Amino acid sequence: MLALMASSAAMPAAAADYPTRPIRMIAPFTPGSPVDVVARLLAQHLSIQLKQSVVVENRPGAGTTIGMKAASLAEPDGYTLLFQSSSLVVAPAMYKNLDYDPLKSFAPVANIAWGSWVTVVPPSLPVRSPRELIAHAKAHPDTLNFGFGQGTAPQLVGEWFNKTNGLAIASVPYKGGMQAITDMLGGTIHVNIGTSSTLLPLIREGKIRAIAQWGKNREADLPDVPTMIESGFRGHSLGFWVGLWAPAGTPAAIVEQLNAATNVALRTPEMLASMQRLGIAPSIGTVEDFANFIADETPRWAEIVRASGTQIE
């Protein structure tokens, strides 16, 4: 009984002293990818707020499930965190044989940022809208390749677009979406869906062409590129988002402390300016706000997985 009482008393003390050593933030994406860039930006500012180093560790592979599993197996003490995108809610529906449940393995900490997706093609492809892409793909079946980061939301969006429009566009998976863009510049990939923050420089240079945005409204940086809704696809408003999680069982006091520190970091002028340059917006809220958001997103993405027909062993 004394041991149990001592253990119970130690938990608040540990939370009160947190953090006393560096924190590891696992990002299950390739270095330089959109999620990795935002993770490093947050880690920099979170280190200031927590007065401890926050180090990003890239663990890409298997559609982000390798990195997620590594984070899920960590001690729930607040010293290992997961920085992840909507891939966390996509994975349970997409992967048949996962030996863990991402939705049960993590405690939501904070939603971090929102952004837009944009569909791009090489300038050599004679299409300037989703309708023209559909027409071209049907007139030239089995000649186009769609490149994407495996296990990501853009993969599902692209697969859904192909299937629901009866297109014969080949799917080419990569460890990261930017690898697909490299091959698009080389002429082997013809369609990609990515964040406007990472694709905008190439669009401005004329190396790739944007044909549609997936947000509700046109972006200020891409005023001439219509949304999918404007292009005739009603109800199709989707976007890029990233968040912070801790392993399930992490003390609530530590989760709340991380949420508070994250929100302070997101409000700093330096963080806001950096995010604006990346073409993303901060998402500030409570732990409960993020938990409710995930609960809303999960069935939505499960339906997109079902409609796309995408399943990975």
C-alpha atoms as a PDB file:
ATOM      1  CA  MET A   1       0.000   0.000   0.000  1.00  0.00           C
ATOM      2  CA  LEU A   2       2.860   2.353   0.850  1.00  0.00           C
ATOM      3  CA  ALA A   3       4.481   1.602  -2.506  1.00  0.00           C
ATOM      4  CA  LEU A   4       1.221   2.338  -4.329  1.00  0.00           C
ATOM      5  CA  MET A   5       0.823   5.624  -2.460  1.00  0.00           C
ATOM      6  CA  ALA A   6       4.397   6.605  -3.274  1.00  0.00           C
ATOM      7  CA  SER A   7       3.855   5.800  -6.946  1.00  0.00           C
ATOM      8  CA  SER A   8       0.671   7.881  -7.051  1.00  0.00           C
ATOM      9  CA  ALA A   9       2.372  10.795  -5.348  1.00  0.00           C
ATOM     10  CA  ALA A  10       5.317  10.657  -7.741  1.00  0.00           C
ATOM     11  CA  MET A  11       3.169  11.117 -10.857  1.00  0.00           C
ATOM     12  CA  PRO A  12       2.121  14.755 -10.236  1.00  0.00           C
ATOM     13  CA  ALA A  13       5.638  15.587  -9.107  1.00  0.00           C
ATOM     14  CA  ALA A  14       7.079  14.196 -12.331  1.00  0.00           C
ATOM     15  CA  ALA A  15       4.544  16.192 -14.340  1.00  0.00           C
ATOM     16  CA  ALA A  16       5.317  19.333 -12.339  1.00  0.00           C
ATOM     17  CA  ASP A  17       9.054  18.989 -13.062  1.00  0.00           C
ATOM     18  CA  TYR A  18       8.555  18.196 -16.746  1.00  0.00           C
ATOM     19  CA  PRO A  19      10.621  18.467 -18.851  1.00  0.00           C
ATOM     20  CA  THR A  20      14.018  17.740 -17.316  1.00  0.00           C
ATOM     21  CA  ARG A  21      15.720  16.357 -20.438  1.00  0.00           C
ATOM     22  CA  PRO A  22      15.506  16.674 -24.242  1.00  0.00           C
ATOM     23  CA  ILE A  23      12.305  15.644 -25.990  1.00  0.00           C
ATOM     24  CA  ARG A  24      12.213  13.484 -29.110  1.00  0.00           C
ATOM     25  CA  MET A  25       9.601  14.333 -31.755  1.00  0.00           C
ATOM     26  CA  ILE A  26       9.122  11.533 -34.284  1.00  0.00           C
ATOM     27  CA  ALA A  27       8.079  12.710 -37.761  1.00  0.00           C
ATOM     28  CA  PRO A  28       7.267   9.647 -39.904  1.00  0.00           C
ATOM     29  CA  PHE A  29       8.088  11.475 -43.133  1.00  0.00           C
ATOM     30  CA  THR A  30      11.176  12.054 -45.254  1.00  0.00           C
ATOM     31  CA  PRO A  31      13.416  15.047 -44.464  1.00  0.00           C
ATOM     32  CA  GLY A  32      12.322  18.131 -46.361  1.00  0.00           C
ATOM     33  CA  SER A  33       8.725  16.969 -46.768  1.00  0.00           C
ATOM     34  CA  PRO A  34       5.946  19.415 -45.799  1.00  0.00           C
ATOM     35  CA  VAL A  35       5.255  17.660 -42.491  1.00  0.00           C
ATOM     36  CA  ASP A  36       8.962  17.519 -41.651  1.00  0.00           C
ATOM     37  CA  VAL A  37       9.402  21.238 -42.373  1.00  0.00           C
ATOM     38  CA  VAL A  38       6.534  22.193 -40.043  1.00  0.00           C
ATOM     39  CA  ALA A  39       7.757  19.726 -37.392  1.00  0.00           C
ATOM     40  CA  ARG A  40      11.197  21.376 -37.335  1.00  0.00           C
ATOM     41  CA  LEU A  41       9.658  24.806 -37.161  1.00  0.00           C
ATOM     42  CA  LEU A  42       7.512  23.815 -34.179  1.00  0.00           C
ATOM     43  CA  ALA A  43      10.419  22.017 -32.474  1.00  0.00           C
ATOM     44  CA  GLN A  44      12.517  25.179 -32.675  1.00  0.00           C
ATOM     45  CA  HIS A  45       9.869  27.329 -30.988  1.00  0.00           C
ATOM     46  CA  LEU A  46       8.698  24.624 -28.579  1.00  0.00           C
ATOM     47  CA  SER A  47      12.274  24.282 -27.307  1.00  0.00           C
ATOM     48  CA  ILE A  48      12.128  27.939 -26.270  1.00  0.00           C
ATOM     49  CA  GLN A  49       8.805  27.538 -24.480  1.00  0.00           C
ATOM     50  CA  LEU A  50       9.771  24.333 -22.643  1.00  0.00           C
ATOM     51  CA  LYS A  51      13.383  25.382 -22.003  1.00  0.00           C
ATOM     52  CA  GLN A  52      14.524  21.990 -23.265  1.00  0.00           C
ATOM     53  CA  SER A  53      15.751  20.768 -26.644  1.00  0.00           C
ATOM     54  CA  VAL A  54      13.050  19.272 -28.874  1.00  0.00           C
ATOM     55  CA  VAL A  55      14.738  17.117 -31.510  1.00  0.00           C
ATOM     56  CA  VAL A  56      12.978  15.923 -34.667  1.00  0.00           C
ATOM     57  CA  GLU A  57      13.660  12.315 -35.627  1.00  0.00           C
ATOM     58  CA  ASN A  58      12.587  11.225 -39.127  1.00  0.00           C
ATOM     59  CA  ARG A  59      11.162   7.688 -39.303  1.00  0.00           C
ATOM     60  CA  PRO A  60       9.662   7.373 -42.824  1.00  0.00           C
ATOM     61  CA  GLY A  61       8.445   4.173 -44.433  1.00  0.00           C
ATOM     62  CA  ALA A  62       5.375   1.991 -44.924  1.00  0.00           C
ATOM     63  CA  GLY A  63       3.095   4.968 -45.344  1.00  0.00           C
ATOM     64  CA  THR A  64       4.202   6.527 -42.024  1.00  0.00           C
ATOM     65  CA  THR A  65       3.188   3.417 -40.037  1.00  0.00           C
ATOM     66  CA  ILE A  66       6.799   2.573 -39.055  1.00  0.00           C
ATOM     67  CA  GLY A  67       7.332   5.910 -37.358  1.00  0.00           C
ATOM     68  CA  MET A  68       3.906   5.810 -35.734  1.00  0.00           C
ATOM     69  CA  LYS A  69       4.571   2.371 -34.260  1.00  0.00           C
ATOM     70  CA  ALA A  70       7.940   3.487 -32.882  1.00  0.00           C
ATOM     71  CA  ALA A  71       6.249   6.423 -31.173  1.00  0.00           C
ATOM     72  CA  SER A  72       3.415   4.247 -29.858  1.00  0.00           C
ATOM     73  CA  LEU A  73       5.916   1.907 -28.149  1.00  0.00           C
ATOM     74  CA  ALA A  74       7.729   4.714 -26.354  1.00  0.00           C
ATOM     75  CA  GLU A  75       7.337   5.319 -22.640  1.00  0.00           C
ATOM     76  CA  PRO A  76       4.268   7.533 -22.014  1.00  0.00           C
ATOM     77  CA  ASP A  77       6.300  10.109 -20.119  1.00  0.00           C
ATOM     78  CA  GLY A  78       6.189  13.082 -22.488  1.00  0.00           C
ATOM     79  CA  TYR A  79       9.729  12.611 -23.785  1.00  0.00           C
ATOM     80  CA  THR A  80       8.680  10.996 -27.070  1.00  0.00           C
ATOM     81  CA  LEU A  81       6.047  12.741 -29.182  1.00  0.00           C
ATOM     82  CA  LEU A  82       4.552  12.099 -32.600  1.00  0.00           C
ATOM     83  CA  PHE A  83       4.224  14.837 -35.199  1.00  0.00           C
ATOM     84  CA  GLN A  84       1.807  13.516 -37.795  1.00  0.00           C
ATOM     85  CA  SER A  85      -0.671  14.509 -40.474  1.00  0.00           C
ATOM     86  CA  SER A  86      -4.076  13.118 -41.414  1.00  0.00           C
ATOM     87  CA  SER A  87      -2.202   9.887 -42.175  1.00  0.00           C
ATOM     88  CA  LEU A  88      -2.906   8.923 -38.555  1.00  0.00           C
ATOM     89  CA  VAL A  89      -6.657   8.740 -39.173  1.00  0.00           C
ATOM     90  CA  VAL A  90      -6.142   7.296 -42.666  1.00  0.00           C
ATOM     91  CA  ALA A  91      -3.995   4.336 -41.576  1.00  0.00           C
ATOM     92  CA  PRO A  92      -6.636   2.305 -39.668  1.00  0.00           C
ATOM     93  CA  ALA A  93      -8.892   2.276 -42.741  1.00  0.00           C
ATOM     94  CA  MET A  94      -6.163   1.804 -45.358  1.00  0.00           C
ATOM     95  CA  TYR A  95      -3.925  -0.864 -43.803  1.00  0.00           C
ATOM     96  CA  LYS A  96      -5.465  -4.294 -43.301  1.00  0.00           C
ATOM     97  CA  ASN A  97      -2.829  -5.858 -41.076  1.00  0.00           C
ATOM     98  CA  LEU A  98      -1.656  -3.166 -38.685  1.00  0.00           C
ATOM     99  CA  ASP A  99      -0.646  -4.740 -35.378  1.00  0.00           C
ATOM    100  CA  TYR A 100      -1.581  -1.592 -33.473  1.00  0.00           C
ATOM    101  CA  ASP A 101      -4.408   0.938 -33.606  1.00  0.00           C
ATOM    102  CA  PRO A 102      -3.118   4.490 -34.177  1.00  0.00           C
ATOM    103  CA  LEU A 103      -6.365   5.967 -32.874  1.00  0.00           C
ATOM    104  CA  LYS A 104      -6.004   4.134 -29.547  1.00  0.00           C
ATOM    105  CA  SER A 105      -2.218   4.290 -29.282  1.00  0.00           C
ATOM    106  CA  PHE A 106      -1.946   8.060 -28.926  1.00  0.00           C
ATOM    107  CA  ALA A 107      -3.289  10.898 -26.816  1.00  0.00           C
ATOM    108  CA  PRO A 108      -4.089  14.047 -28.843  1.00  0.00           C
ATOM    109  CA  VAL A 109      -2.002  17.040 -27.755  1.00  0.00           C
ATOM    110  CA  ALA A 110      -2.587  19.887 -30.212  1.00  0.00           C
ATOM    111  CA  ASN A 111      -3.643  20.645 -33.751  1.00  0.00           C
ATOM    112  CA  ILE A 112      -0.795  22.662 -35.254  1.00  0.00           C
ATOM    113  CA  ALA A 113      -1.514  23.976 -38.733  1.00  0.00           C
ATOM    114  CA  TRP A 114      -3.768  24.026 -41.751  1.00  0.00           C
ATOM    115  CA  GLY A 115      -2.815  24.293 -45.395  1.00  0.00           C
ATOM    116  CA  SER A 116      -4.107  23.676 -48.901  1.00  0.00           C
ATOM    117  CA  TRP A 117      -3.468  20.985 -51.456  1.00  0.00           C
ATOM    118  CA  VAL A 118      -3.008  21.679 -55.117  1.00  0.00           C
ATOM    119  CA  THR A 119      -3.078  19.324 -58.100  1.00  0.00           C
ATOM    120  CA  VAL A 120      -0.105  19.836 -60.407  1.00  0.00           C
ATOM    121  CA  VAL A 121       0.959  18.489 -63.803  1.00  0.00           C
ATOM    122  CA  PRO A 122       4.051  19.063 -65.979  1.00  0.00           C
ATOM    123  CA  PRO A 123       3.805  21.999 -68.424  1.00  0.00           C
ATOM    124  CA  SER A 124       4.131  19.539 -71.298  1.00  0.00           C
ATOM    125  CA  LEU A 125       0.785  17.951 -70.440  1.00  0.00           C
ATOM    126  CA  PRO A 126      -1.930  19.813 -72.401  1.00  0.00           C
ATOM    127  CA  VAL A 127      -4.396  20.194 -69.513  1.00  0.00           C
ATOM    128  CA  ARG A 128      -5.299  23.231 -67.418  1.00  0.00           C
ATOM    129  CA  SER A 129      -8.240  21.991 -65.332  1.00  0.00           C
ATOM    130  CA  PRO A 130      -9.507  18.798 -63.695  1.00  0.00           C
ATOM    131  CA  ARG A 131     -12.074  18.374 -66.486  1.00  0.00           C
ATOM    132  CA  GLU A 132      -9.357  18.623 -69.114  1.00  0.00           C
ATOM    133  CA  LEU A 133      -7.274  16.101 -67.159  1.00  0.00           C
ATOM    134  CA  ILE A 134     -10.199  13.669 -67.143  1.00  0.00           C
ATOM    135  CA  ALA A 135     -10.744  14.137 -70.868  1.00  0.00           C
ATOM    136  CA  HIS A 136      -7.042  13.677 -71.660  1.00  0.00           C
ATOM    137  CA  ALA A 137      -6.724  10.581 -69.464  1.00  0.00           C
ATOM    138  CA  LYS A 138      -9.745   8.966 -71.110  1.00  0.00           C
ATOM    139  CA  ALA A 139      -8.450   9.794 -74.577  1.00  0.00           C
ATOM    140  CA  HIS A 140      -5.003   8.396 -73.697  1.00  0.00           C
ATOM    141  CA  PRO A 141      -5.593   5.492 -71.277  1.00  0.00           C
ATOM    142  CA  ASP A 142      -2.616   3.881 -69.530  1.00  0.00           C
ATOM    143  CA  THR A 143      -0.225   6.689 -70.483  1.00  0.00           C
ATOM    144  CA  LEU A 144      -0.274   8.831 -67.319  1.00  0.00           C
ATOM    145  CA  ASN A 145       1.354   8.195 -63.922  1.00  0.00           C
ATOM    146  CA  PHE A 146       0.143   9.557 -60.584  1.00  0.00           C
ATOM    147  CA  GLY A 147       2.959   9.910 -58.031  1.00  0.00           C
ATOM    148  CA  PHE A 148       2.409  10.220 -54.277  1.00  0.00           C
ATOM    149  CA  GLY A 149       3.800   9.524 -50.834  1.00  0.00           C
ATOM    150  CA  GLN A 150       2.471   6.099 -49.878  1.00  0.00           C
ATOM    151  CA  GLY A 151      -0.123   5.973 -47.114  1.00  0.00           C
ATOM    152  CA  THR A 152      -0.808   9.689 -47.228  1.00  0.00           C
ATOM    153  CA  ALA A 153      -4.023  11.639 -47.666  1.00  0.00           C
ATOM    154  CA  PRO A 154      -2.992  12.924 -51.136  1.00  0.00           C
ATOM    155  CA  GLN A 155      -2.706   9.313 -52.268  1.00  0.00           C
ATOM    156  CA  LEU A 156      -6.288   8.666 -51.234  1.00  0.00           C
ATOM    157  CA  VAL A 157      -7.542  11.866 -52.824  1.00  0.00           C
ATOM    158  CA  GLY A 158      -5.817  10.995 -56.102  1.00  0.00           C
ATOM    159  CA  GLU A 159      -6.980   7.365 -56.059  1.00  0.00           C
ATOM    160  CA  TRP A 160     -10.518   8.548 -55.336  1.00  0.00           C
ATOM    161  CA  PHE A 161     -10.326  10.995 -58.271  1.00  0.00           C
ATOM    162  CA  ASN A 162      -9.091   8.230 -60.595  1.00  0.00           C
ATOM    163  CA  LYS A 163     -11.658   5.644 -59.567  1.00  0.00           C
ATOM    164  CA  THR A 164     -14.737   7.845 -59.408  1.00  0.00           C
ATOM    165  CA  ASN A 165     -13.990   9.238 -62.867  1.00  0.00           C
ATOM    166  CA  GLY A 166     -13.130   5.869 -64.425  1.00  0.00           C
ATOM    167  CA  LEU A 167      -9.559   6.831 -65.311  1.00  0.00           C
ATOM    168  CA  ALA A 168      -6.684   4.521 -66.210  1.00  0.00           C
ATOM    169  CA  ILE A 169      -3.904   6.498 -64.521  1.00  0.00           C
ATOM    170  CA  ALA A 170      -1.157   4.328 -63.022  1.00  0.00           C
ATOM    171  CA  SER A 171      -0.368   4.771 -59.307  1.00  0.00           C
ATOM    172  CA  VAL A 172       3.301   5.137 -58.385  1.00  0.00           C
ATOM    173  CA  PRO A 173       4.047   5.183 -54.620  1.00  0.00           C
ATOM    174  CA  TYR A 174       7.075   6.900 -53.072  1.00  0.00           C
ATOM    175  CA  LYS A 175       8.427   7.229 -49.550  1.00  0.00           C
ATOM    176  CA  GLY A 176       7.702  10.955 -49.790  1.00  0.00           C
ATOM    177  CA  GLY A 177       5.646  13.160 -52.055  1.00  0.00           C
ATOM    178  CA  MET A 178       8.578  15.385 -53.038  1.00  0.00           C
ATOM    179  CA  GLN A 179      10.284  12.390 -54.636  1.00  0.00           C
ATOM    180  CA  ALA A 180       7.313  12.202 -57.000  1.00  0.00           C
ATOM    181  CA  ILE A 181       7.828  15.873 -57.890  1.00  0.00           C
ATOM    182  CA  THR A 182      11.480  15.165 -58.702  1.00  0.00           C
ATOM    183  CA  ASP A 183      10.321  12.509 -61.145  1.00  0.00           C
ATOM    184  CA  MET A 184       7.684  14.863 -62.533  1.00  0.00           C
ATOM    185  CA  LEU A 185      10.470  17.295 -63.363  1.00  0.00           C
ATOM    186  CA  GLY A 186      12.200  14.353 -65.052  1.00  0.00           C
ATOM    187  CA  GLY A 187       9.136  13.515 -67.128  1.00  0.00           C
ATOM    188  CA  THR A 188       8.007  10.192 -65.644  1.00  0.00           C
ATOM    189  CA  ILE A 189       5.230  11.457 -63.326  1.00  0.00           C
ATOM    190  CA  HIS A 190       2.287  13.365 -64.785  1.00  0.00           C
ATOM    191  CA  VAL A 191      -0.017  14.047 -61.822  1.00  0.00           C
ATOM    192  CA  ASN A 192       0.692  14.926 -58.200  1.00  0.00           C
ATOM    193  CA  ILE A 193      -1.289  16.371 -55.298  1.00  0.00           C
ATOM    194  CA  GLY A 194       0.751  18.228 -52.697  1.00  0.00           C
ATOM    195  CA  THR A 195       0.802  21.190 -50.390  1.00  0.00           C
ATOM    196  CA  SER A 196       0.860  24.593 -51.997  1.00  0.00           C
ATOM    197  CA  SER A 197       3.561  25.623 -49.518  1.00  0.00           C
ATOM    198  CA  THR A 198       6.089  23.234 -51.063  1.00  0.00           C
ATOM    199  CA  LEU A 199       4.939  23.380 -54.686  1.00  0.00           C
ATOM    200  CA  LEU A 200       4.477  27.138 -55.003  1.00  0.00           C
ATOM    201  CA  PRO A 201       8.124  27.952 -55.917  1.00  0.00           C
ATOM    202  CA  LEU A 202       8.076  25.403 -58.769  1.00  0.00           C
ATOM    203  CA  ILE A 203       4.686  26.690 -59.931  1.00  0.00           C
ATOM    204  CA  ARG A 204       5.985  30.257 -60.016  1.00  0.00           C
ATOM    205  CA  GLU A 205       9.067  29.168 -61.954  1.00  0.00           C
ATOM    206  CA  GLY A 206       6.859  27.473 -64.532  1.00  0.00           C
ATOM    207  CA  LYS A 207       8.398  24.055 -63.893  1.00  0.00           C
ATOM    208  CA  ILE A 208       5.015  22.561 -62.969  1.00  0.00           C
ATOM    209  CA  ARG A 209       1.444  23.738 -63.610  1.00  0.00           C
ATOM    210  CA  ALA A 210      -1.297  24.000 -60.975  1.00  0.00           C
ATOM    211  CA  ILE A 211      -4.718  22.981 -62.298  1.00  0.00           C
ATOM    212  CA  ALA A 212      -6.854  22.907 -59.127  1.00  0.00           C
ATOM    213  CA  GLN A 213      -6.908  23.712 -55.431  1.00  0.00           C
ATOM    214  CA  TRP A 214      -8.711  21.547 -52.868  1.00  0.00           C
ATOM    215  CA  GLY A 215      -9.667  24.220 -50.315  1.00  0.00           C
ATOM    216  CA  LYS A 216     -12.985  26.026 -49.990  1.00  0.00           C
ATOM    217  CA  ASN A 217     -11.576  29.226 -51.434  1.00  0.00           C
ATOM    218  CA  ARG A 218      -8.801  30.215 -53.815  1.00  0.00           C
ATOM    219  CA  GLU A 219      -5.456  30.985 -52.238  1.00  0.00           C
ATOM    220  CA  ALA A 220      -4.041  34.487 -52.442  1.00  0.00           C
ATOM    221  CA  ASP A 221      -0.797  33.038 -53.824  1.00  0.00           C
ATOM    222  CA  LEU A 222      -2.673  31.176 -56.583  1.00  0.00           C
ATOM    223  CA  PRO A 223      -5.516  33.534 -57.503  1.00  0.00           C
ATOM    224  CA  ASP A 224      -5.899  32.157 -61.041  1.00  0.00           C
ATOM    225  CA  VAL A 225      -6.161  28.499 -59.986  1.00  0.00           C
ATOM    226  CA  PRO A 226      -9.781  27.416 -59.369  1.00  0.00           C
ATOM    227  CA  THR A 227     -10.919  25.212 -56.522  1.00  0.00           C
ATOM    228  CA  MET A 228     -12.266  21.721 -57.109  1.00  0.00           C
ATOM    229  CA  ILE A 229     -15.710  23.045 -56.158  1.00  0.00           C
ATOM    230  CA  GLU A 230     -15.471  25.741 -58.818  1.00  0.00           C
ATOM    231  CA  SER A 231     -14.362  23.059 -61.261  1.00  0.00           C
ATOM    232  CA  GLY A 232     -17.638  21.198 -60.820  1.00  0.00           C
ATOM    233  CA  PHE A 233     -16.792  18.816 -57.975  1.00  0.00           C
ATOM    234  CA  ARG A 234     -19.290  19.937 -55.366  1.00  0.00           C
ATOM    235  CA  GLY A 235     -18.591  19.147 -51.744  1.00  0.00           C
ATOM    236  CA  HIS A 236     -14.940  18.327 -52.321  1.00  0.00           C
ATOM    237  CA  SER A 237     -13.116  20.587 -49.908  1.00  0.00           C
ATOM    238  CA  LEU A 238     -10.117  18.935 -48.303  1.00  0.00           C
ATOM    239  CA  GLY A 239      -6.890  20.208 -46.853  1.00  0.00           C
ATOM    240  CA  PHE A 240      -3.510  19.546 -45.289  1.00  0.00           C
ATOM    241  CA  TRP A 241      -3.329  19.479 -41.496  1.00  0.00           C
ATOM    242  CA  VAL A 242      -0.764  18.376 -38.947  1.00  0.00           C
ATOM    243  CA  GLY A 243      -0.864  17.778 -35.239  1.00  0.00           C
ATOM    244  CA  LEU A 244       1.029  16.652 -32.166  1.00  0.00           C
ATOM    245  CA  TRP A 245       0.348  13.458 -30.210  1.00  0.00           C
ATOM    246  CA  ALA A 246       1.812  11.677 -27.182  1.00  0.00           C
ATOM    247  CA  PRO A 247       1.770   7.922 -26.490  1.00  0.00           C
ATOM    248  CA  ALA A 248      -1.457   6.780 -24.832  1.00  0.00           C
ATOM    249  CA  GLY A 249      -1.149   6.866 -21.065  1.00  0.00           C
ATOM    250  CA  THR A 250       0.931  10.039 -20.950  1.00  0.00           C
ATOM    251  CA  PRO A 251      -0.128  11.946 -17.798  1.00  0.00           C
ATOM    252  CA  ALA A 252      -2.865  14.467 -18.526  1.00  0.00           C
ATOM    253  CA  ALA A 253      -0.879  17.203 -16.787  1.00  0.00           C
ATOM    254  CA  ILE A 254       2.001  16.744 -19.253  1.00  0.00           C
ATOM    255  CA  VAL A 255      -0.381  16.670 -22.230  1.00  0.00           C
ATOM    256  CA  GLU A 256      -1.955  19.919 -21.041  1.00  0.00           C
ATOM    257  CA  GLN A 257       1.461  21.493 -20.517  1.00  0.00           C
ATOM    258  CA  LEU A 258       2.510  20.540 -24.040  1.00  0.00           C
ATOM    259  CA  ASN A 259      -0.735  21.932 -25.442  1.00  0.00           C
ATOM    260  CA  ALA A 260      -0.270  25.227 -23.614  1.00  0.00           C
ATOM    261  CA  ALA A 261       3.368  25.551 -24.723  1.00  0.00           C
ATOM    262  CA  THR A 262       2.401  24.758 -28.322  1.00  0.00           C
ATOM    263  CA  ASN A 263      -0.333  27.396 -28.355  1.00  0.00           C
ATOM    264  CA  VAL A 264       2.070  30.008 -27.000  1.00  0.00           C
ATOM    265  CA  ALA A 265       4.607  29.052 -29.692  1.00  0.00           C
ATOM    266  CA  LEU A 266       1.963  29.310 -32.414  1.00  0.00           C
ATOM    267  CA  ARG A 267       1.105  32.856 -31.316  1.00  0.00           C
ATOM    268  CA  THR A 268       4.655  34.238 -31.448  1.00  0.00           C
ATOM    269  CA  PRO A 269       5.298  36.752 -34.251  1.00  0.00           C
ATOM    270  CA  GLU A 270       8.304  34.732 -35.433  1.00  0.00           C
ATOM    271  CA  MET A 271       6.280  31.517 -35.709  1.00  0.00           C
ATOM    272  CA  LEU A 272       3.388  33.281 -37.427  1.00  0.00           C
ATOM    273  CA  ALA A 273       5.734  34.872 -39.975  1.00  0.00           C
ATOM    274  CA  SER A 274       7.432  31.542 -40.700  1.00  0.00           C
ATOM    275  CA  MET A 275       4.115  29.773 -41.171  1.00  0.00           C
ATOM    276  CA  GLN A 276       2.868  32.511 -43.469  1.00  0.00           C
ATOM    277  CA  ARG A 277       5.954  32.071 -45.650  1.00  0.00           C
ATOM    278  CA  LEU A 278       5.153  28.362 -45.835  1.00  0.00           C
ATOM    279  CA  GLY A 279       1.583  29.063 -46.894  1.00  0.00           C
ATOM    280  CA  ILE A 280       0.013  27.518 -43.790  1.00  0.00           C
ATOM    281  CA  ALA A 281      -2.040  28.904 -40.919  1.00  0.00           C
ATOM    282  CA  PRO A 282      -1.818  28.063 -37.198  1.00  0.00           C
ATOM    283  CA  SER A 283      -4.555  26.030 -35.556  1.00  0.00           C
ATOM    284  CA  ILE A 284      -4.835  27.015 -31.905  1.00  0.00           C
ATOM    285  CA  GLY A 285      -7.084  25.133 -29.499  1.00  0.00           C
ATOM    286  CA  THR A 286      -7.411  22.897 -26.465  1.00  0.00           C
ATOM    287  CA  VAL A 287      -6.660  19.204 -26.132  1.00  0.00           C
ATOM    288  CA  GLU A 288     -10.404  18.590 -26.292  1.00  0.00           C
ATOM    289  CA  ASP A 289     -10.705  20.648 -29.476  1.00  0.00           C
ATOM    290  CA  PHE A 290      -8.107  18.456 -31.171  1.00  0.00           C
ATOM    291  CA  ALA A 291      -9.696  15.236 -29.884  1.00  0.00           C
ATOM    292  CA  ASN A 292     -13.077  16.327 -31.257  1.00  0.00           C
ATOM    293  CA  PHE A 293     -11.499  17.289 -34.577  1.00  0.00           C
ATOM    294  CA  ILE A 294      -9.922  13.824 -34.917  1.00  0.00           C
ATOM    295  CA  ALA A 295     -13.250  12.192 -34.053  1.00  0.00           C
ATOM    296  CA  ASP A 296     -14.883  14.148 -36.893  1.00  0.00           C
ATOM    297  CA  GLU A 297     -12.099  13.456 -39.410  1.00  0.00           C
ATOM    298  CA  THR A 298     -11.858   9.689 -38.808  1.00  0.00           C
ATOM    299  CA  PRO A 299     -15.175   8.592 -40.408  1.00  0.00           C
ATOM    300  CA  ARG A 300     -14.704  11.129 -43.194  1.00  0.00           C
ATOM    301  CA  TRP A 301     -11.379   9.614 -44.244  1.00  0.00           C
ATOM    302  CA  ALA A 302     -12.658   6.079 -43.749  1.00  0.00           C
ATOM    303  CA  GLU A 303     -15.311   6.856 -46.354  1.00  0.00           C
ATOM    304  CA  ILE A 304     -12.700   8.285 -48.733  1.00  0.00           C
ATOM    305  CA  VAL A 305     -10.624   5.100 -48.298  1.00  0.00           C
ATOM    306  CA  ARG A 306     -13.688   2.999 -49.061  1.00  0.00           C
ATOM    307  CA  ALA A 307     -14.618   5.057 -52.136  1.00  0.00           C
ATOM    308  CA  SER A 308     -11.048   5.021 -53.447  1.00  0.00           C
ATOM    309  CA  GLY A 309     -10.763   1.260 -53.098  1.00  0.00           C
ATOM    310  CA  THR A 310      -7.274   1.657 -51.632  1.00  0.00           C
ATOM    311  CA  GLN A 311      -6.116  -1.140 -49.358  1.00  0.00           C
ATOM    312  CA  ILE A 312      -2.530  -1.961 -48.340  1.00  0.00           C
ATOM    313  CA  GLU A 313      -1.449  -5.266 -46.813  1.00  0.00           C
END
